[in-house]
Amino acid sequence: MAFDAGKFLKTPDLESFDNLKKEELVLLAKHLKLVFKVSMRKQIIKNLVIDKLVDAEILGEEALELKVENVDAFKLKQLELEHEFKLKQAELEMKERLEIERKEKEDEFKLKELEMKEREKIKEDELKLKELEMRERLEMEKLKIEMVKEESNTKVQSKSDYFDAAKNIRLVPKFCEKTVDKYFPQFEKIANNLKWPKPYWTTMLQSVFEGKAAEIYSALPSEKSSDYDTVKQEVLKAL
């Protein structure tokens, strides 16, 4: 049965009033021509109706006990604080998410930059290696040409019978103690390409030895100083 506000006001009952639903309180408030909003909470509308009914002496002052303004105000303030907290929490989460995204993008950019630099370095190293190989080939070709010229200007003799060490000494690479580990492979490469007889290798070496290497060579017995592998081993061991 639909609620009849006019009929209720003719025979008001405090207990029945206290049990009214929000929709019924809204109808009662409209009947009493109160200023309110339907969106208001039930207790607020109920408080307005109680004040009106008590003022109109439709209900006794005992009805004021049904008002819960202080509690409602506290709850309202609590809700406002909770809502404000949630807003701030959401704002903080948004800032943290944006910061994480910014950091991820920054790390991604740094990684790409590092990878790009690494690729550039690899290309640069490859280019330097190719340039070094090219210079070595050119130097080797130059040495071969000089050897051909030397042979054409001298009396042709069998290599197995004669090797002119004096004319080839100037082709021996300069010795450097700081790079001794790289020197012997370079010397062997030149000696093999120019087909120098191995028994003459120590003779060629002693012409460019200096410092500690020269001292080591001079201290070796004759049979050892003429053996290339022995000389090489002793020099590498000392330096």
Protein backbone atom coordinates (compact mmCIF):
# COMPACT_ATOMS: atom_id res chain seq x y z
CA MET A 1 0.00 0.00 0.00
CA ALA A 2 1.38 3.38 -1.07
CA PHE A 3 2.43 5.81 1.68
CA ASP A 4 -0.02 8.69 2.19
CA ALA A 5 1.75 11.67 3.79
CA GLY A 6 -1.49 13.56 4.55
CA LYS A 7 -3.07 10.55 6.20
CA PHE A 8 0.09 9.93 8.25
CA LEU A 9 0.11 13.49 9.57
CA LYS A 10 -3.46 13.18 10.78
CA THR A 11 -2.53 10.38 13.16
CA PRO A 12 1.24 10.62 13.61
CA ASP A 13 3.00 7.88 15.52
CA LEU A 14 6.60 8.29 16.71
CA GLU A 15 7.50 4.62 16.30
CA SER A 16 5.98 4.45 12.82
CA PHE A 17 7.78 7.68 11.91
CA ASP A 18 11.11 6.27 13.04
CA ASN A 19 10.58 3.26 10.75
CA LEU A 20 9.82 5.29 7.63
CA LYS A 21 11.94 4.54 4.56
CA LYS A 22 13.80 7.28 2.70
CA GLU A 23 11.21 7.31 -0.12
CA GLU A 24 8.46 7.84 2.46
CA LEU A 25 10.42 10.60 4.21
CA VAL A 26 10.85 12.31 0.82
CA LEU A 27 7.07 12.26 0.25
CA LEU A 28 6.51 13.60 3.76
CA ALA A 29 9.07 16.39 3.26
CA LYS A 30 7.46 17.39 -0.05
CA HIS A 31 4.04 17.43 1.63
CA LEU A 32 5.44 19.74 4.33
CA LYS A 33 7.01 21.90 1.55
CA LEU A 34 10.50 21.65 3.02
CA VAL A 35 13.56 22.87 1.12
CA PHE A 36 15.74 19.83 0.48
CA LYS A 37 17.31 17.65 -2.19
CA VAL A 38 16.33 14.08 -2.89
CA SER A 39 20.05 13.26 -3.15
CA MET A 40 20.47 14.15 0.53
CA ARG A 41 21.15 11.28 2.89
CA LYS A 42 18.16 9.74 4.65
CA GLN A 43 19.13 10.97 8.14
CA ILE A 44 19.49 14.57 6.97
CA ILE A 45 16.00 14.53 5.41
CA LYS A 46 14.67 12.86 8.56
CA ASN A 47 16.20 15.60 10.73
CA LEU A 48 14.51 18.31 8.63
CA VAL A 49 11.13 16.58 8.92
CA ILE A 50 11.53 16.14 12.70
CA ASP A 51 12.30 19.83 13.16
CA LYS A 52 9.24 20.79 11.12
CA LEU A 53 6.89 18.37 12.89
CA VAL A 54 8.10 19.44 16.35
CA ASP A 55 7.77 23.13 15.44
CA ALA A 56 4.24 22.47 14.18
CA GLU A 57 3.55 20.49 17.36
CA ILE A 58 2.54 17.49 15.28
CA LEU A 59 5.13 15.48 17.18
CA GLY A 60 6.31 16.03 20.72
CA GLU A 61 9.83 17.12 21.65
CA GLU A 62 10.70 13.52 22.37
CA ALA A 63 10.96 13.15 18.59
CA LEU A 64 14.15 15.24 18.74
CA GLU A 65 15.85 12.21 20.26
CA LEU A 66 15.57 10.55 16.85
CA LYS A 67 17.90 13.17 15.39
CA VAL A 68 21.52 12.13 15.01
CA GLU A 69 23.03 15.36 13.73
CA ASN A 70 26.31 15.10 15.66
CA VAL A 71 26.91 11.51 14.68
CA ASP A 72 25.92 12.25 11.12
CA ALA A 73 28.23 15.25 10.96
CA PHE A 74 31.07 13.12 12.25
CA LYS A 75 30.37 10.41 9.68
CA LEU A 76 30.10 13.03 6.96
CA LYS A 77 33.45 14.49 7.96
CA GLN A 78 34.90 10.99 8.08
CA LEU A 79 33.61 10.29 4.59
CA GLU A 80 35.03 13.58 3.35
CA LEU A 81 38.42 12.73 4.85
CA GLU A 82 38.32 9.24 3.38
CA HIS A 83 37.39 10.66 -0.01
CA GLU A 84 40.19 13.22 0.22
CA PHE A 85 42.63 10.47 1.23
CA LYS A 86 41.57 8.31 -1.73
CA LEU A 87 42.03 11.26 -4.09
CA LYS A 88 45.51 11.95 -2.73
CA GLN A 89 46.35 8.25 -2.85
CA ALA A 90 45.20 8.06 -6.47
CA GLU A 91 47.22 11.18 -7.26
CA LEU A 92 50.29 9.67 -5.59
CA GLU A 93 49.84 6.39 -7.46
CA MET A 94 49.53 8.32 -10.72
CA LYS A 95 52.75 10.22 -9.96
CA GLU A 96 54.54 6.98 -9.08
CA ARG A 97 53.28 5.33 -12.27
CA LEU A 98 54.39 8.31 -14.35
CA GLU A 99 57.77 8.30 -12.62
CA ILE A 100 58.18 4.57 -13.29
CA GLU A 101 57.25 5.09 -16.95
CA ARG A 102 59.67 8.02 -17.18
CA LYS A 103 62.45 5.95 -15.60
CA GLU A 104 61.73 3.01 -17.93
CA LYS A 105 61.87 5.28 -20.98
CA GLU A 106 65.07 6.86 -19.70
CA ASP A 107 66.66 3.44 -19.11
CA GLU A 108 65.50 2.29 -22.55
CA PHE A 109 67.02 5.39 -24.15
CA LYS A 110 70.31 4.87 -22.28
CA LEU A 111 70.38 1.20 -23.32
CA LYS A 112 69.80 2.09 -26.97
CA GLU A 113 72.45 4.80 -26.75
CA LEU A 114 74.90 2.32 -25.21
CA GLU A 115 74.13 -0.29 -27.88
CA MET A 116 74.60 2.31 -30.60
CA LYS A 117 77.98 3.37 -29.14
CA GLU A 118 79.01 -0.29 -28.89
CA ARG A 119 78.08 -0.89 -32.54
CA GLU A 120 80.01 2.23 -33.55
CA LYS A 121 83.04 1.04 -31.57
CA ILE A 122 82.88 -2.40 -33.22
CA LYS A 123 82.70 -0.77 -36.66
CA GLU A 124 85.56 1.54 -35.74
CA ASP A 125 87.70 -1.39 -34.51
CA GLU A 126 86.90 -3.36 -37.67
CA LEU A 127 87.88 -0.38 -39.80
CA LYS A 128 91.16 0.05 -37.90
CA LEU A 129 91.91 -3.65 -38.30
CA LYS A 130 91.26 -3.47 -42.05
CA GLU A 131 93.48 -0.38 -42.31
CA LEU A 132 96.23 -2.17 -40.40
CA GLU A 133 95.96 -5.24 -42.63
CA MET A 134 96.04 -3.02 -45.70
CA ARG A 135 99.17 -1.23 -44.47
CA GLU A 136 100.84 -4.57 -43.76
CA ARG A 137 100.01 -5.83 -47.25
CA LEU A 138 101.31 -2.64 -48.82
CA GLU A 139 104.46 -2.80 -46.71
CA MET A 140 104.97 -6.41 -47.68
CA GLU A 141 104.51 -5.60 -51.36
CA LYS A 142 106.97 -2.76 -50.98
CA LEU A 143 109.51 -5.10 -49.40
CA LYS A 144 109.04 -7.63 -52.18
CA ILE A 145 109.54 -4.96 -54.84
CA GLU A 146 112.71 -3.79 -53.09
CA MET A 147 113.94 -7.36 -52.94
CA VAL A 148 113.32 -7.81 -56.66
CA LYS A 149 115.22 -4.62 -57.37
CA GLU A 150 118.09 -5.77 -55.18
CA GLU A 151 118.23 -9.11 -56.94
CA SER A 152 118.19 -7.48 -60.38
CA ASN A 153 121.12 -5.25 -59.43
CA THR A 154 123.27 -8.05 -58.05
CA LYS A 155 124.75 -11.21 -59.44
CA VAL A 156 122.21 -14.02 -59.50
CA GLN A 157 123.19 -16.81 -57.18
CA SER A 158 121.37 -19.82 -55.87
CA LYS A 159 119.62 -19.13 -52.57
CA SER A 160 120.56 -22.54 -51.34
CA ASP A 161 124.26 -21.71 -51.81
CA TYR A 162 124.36 -18.05 -50.80
CA PHE A 163 122.35 -15.52 -48.77
CA ASP A 164 123.46 -11.88 -48.63
CA ALA A 165 122.51 -10.96 -45.06
CA ALA A 166 124.12 -7.52 -45.31
CA LYS A 167 121.77 -6.47 -48.10
CA ASN A 168 118.70 -7.74 -46.25
CA ILE A 169 119.49 -6.34 -42.81
CA ARG A 170 117.86 -3.00 -43.65
CA LEU A 171 114.57 -4.86 -44.17
CA VAL A 172 114.55 -6.16 -40.58
CA PRO A 173 111.83 -4.34 -38.58
CA LYS A 174 113.00 -2.04 -35.80
CA PHE A 175 113.16 -3.75 -32.39
CA CYS A 176 111.22 -2.31 -29.42
CA GLU A 177 111.35 -3.83 -25.92
CA LYS A 178 107.88 -2.53 -25.01
CA THR A 179 106.24 -4.55 -27.77
CA VAL A 180 108.55 -7.55 -27.78
CA ASP A 181 105.62 -10.02 -27.74
CA LYS A 182 104.40 -8.59 -31.05
CA TYR A 183 107.86 -8.16 -32.56
CA PHE A 184 108.79 -11.80 -33.13
CA PRO A 185 105.55 -12.71 -35.03
CA GLN A 186 106.13 -9.65 -37.23
CA PHE A 187 109.76 -10.60 -37.85
CA GLU A 188 108.86 -14.23 -38.67
CA LYS A 189 106.17 -13.09 -41.10
CA ILE A 190 108.65 -10.90 -42.99
CA ALA A 191 111.38 -13.55 -42.90
CA ASN A 192 109.07 -16.23 -44.30
CA ASN A 193 107.61 -13.99 -46.99
CA LEU A 194 111.07 -12.91 -48.11
CA LYS A 195 112.31 -16.50 -47.84
CA TRP A 196 115.24 -15.75 -45.56
CA PRO A 197 117.08 -18.94 -44.61
CA LYS A 198 116.32 -19.66 -40.95
CA PRO A 199 119.99 -20.17 -39.99
CA TYR A 200 120.48 -16.45 -40.79
CA TRP A 201 117.55 -15.23 -38.66
CA THR A 202 119.63 -14.71 -35.51
CA THR A 203 122.20 -12.80 -37.55
CA MET A 204 119.42 -10.51 -38.79
CA LEU A 205 118.03 -10.11 -35.27
CA GLN A 206 121.28 -9.22 -33.54
CA SER A 207 121.64 -6.30 -35.95
CA VAL A 208 118.56 -4.60 -34.43
CA PHE A 209 118.73 -5.86 -30.82
CA GLU A 210 119.39 -3.20 -28.23
CA GLY A 211 119.34 -2.80 -24.47
CA LYS A 212 118.42 -5.93 -22.51
CA ALA A 213 117.86 -8.01 -25.64
CA ALA A 214 121.38 -7.23 -26.91
CA GLU A 215 122.84 -8.19 -23.52
CA ILE A 216 120.97 -11.52 -23.52
CA TYR A 217 122.13 -12.34 -27.06
CA SER A 218 125.76 -11.52 -26.25
CA ALA A 219 125.67 -13.69 -23.12
CA LEU A 220 124.48 -16.80 -24.96
CA PRO A 221 127.00 -19.49 -26.00
CA SER A 222 127.80 -19.65 -29.71
CA GLU A 223 125.70 -22.76 -30.35
CA LYS A 224 122.64 -21.19 -28.69
CA SER A 225 123.05 -17.70 -30.14
CA SER A 226 122.76 -19.18 -33.64
CA ASP A 227 119.48 -20.97 -32.83
CA TYR A 228 116.52 -18.65 -33.50
CA ASP A 229 114.01 -20.44 -31.25
CA THR A 230 116.44 -20.38 -28.32
CA VAL A 231 117.20 -16.67 -28.77
CA LYS A 232 113.50 -15.89 -29.05
CA GLN A 233 112.67 -17.87 -25.91
CA GLU A 234 115.43 -16.26 -23.83
CA VAL A 235 114.49 -12.71 -24.89
CA LEU A 236 110.78 -13.24 -24.22
CA LYS A 237 111.56 -14.79 -20.84
CA ALA A 238 113.66 -11.80 -19.79
CA LEU A 239 111.38 -9.07 -21.15
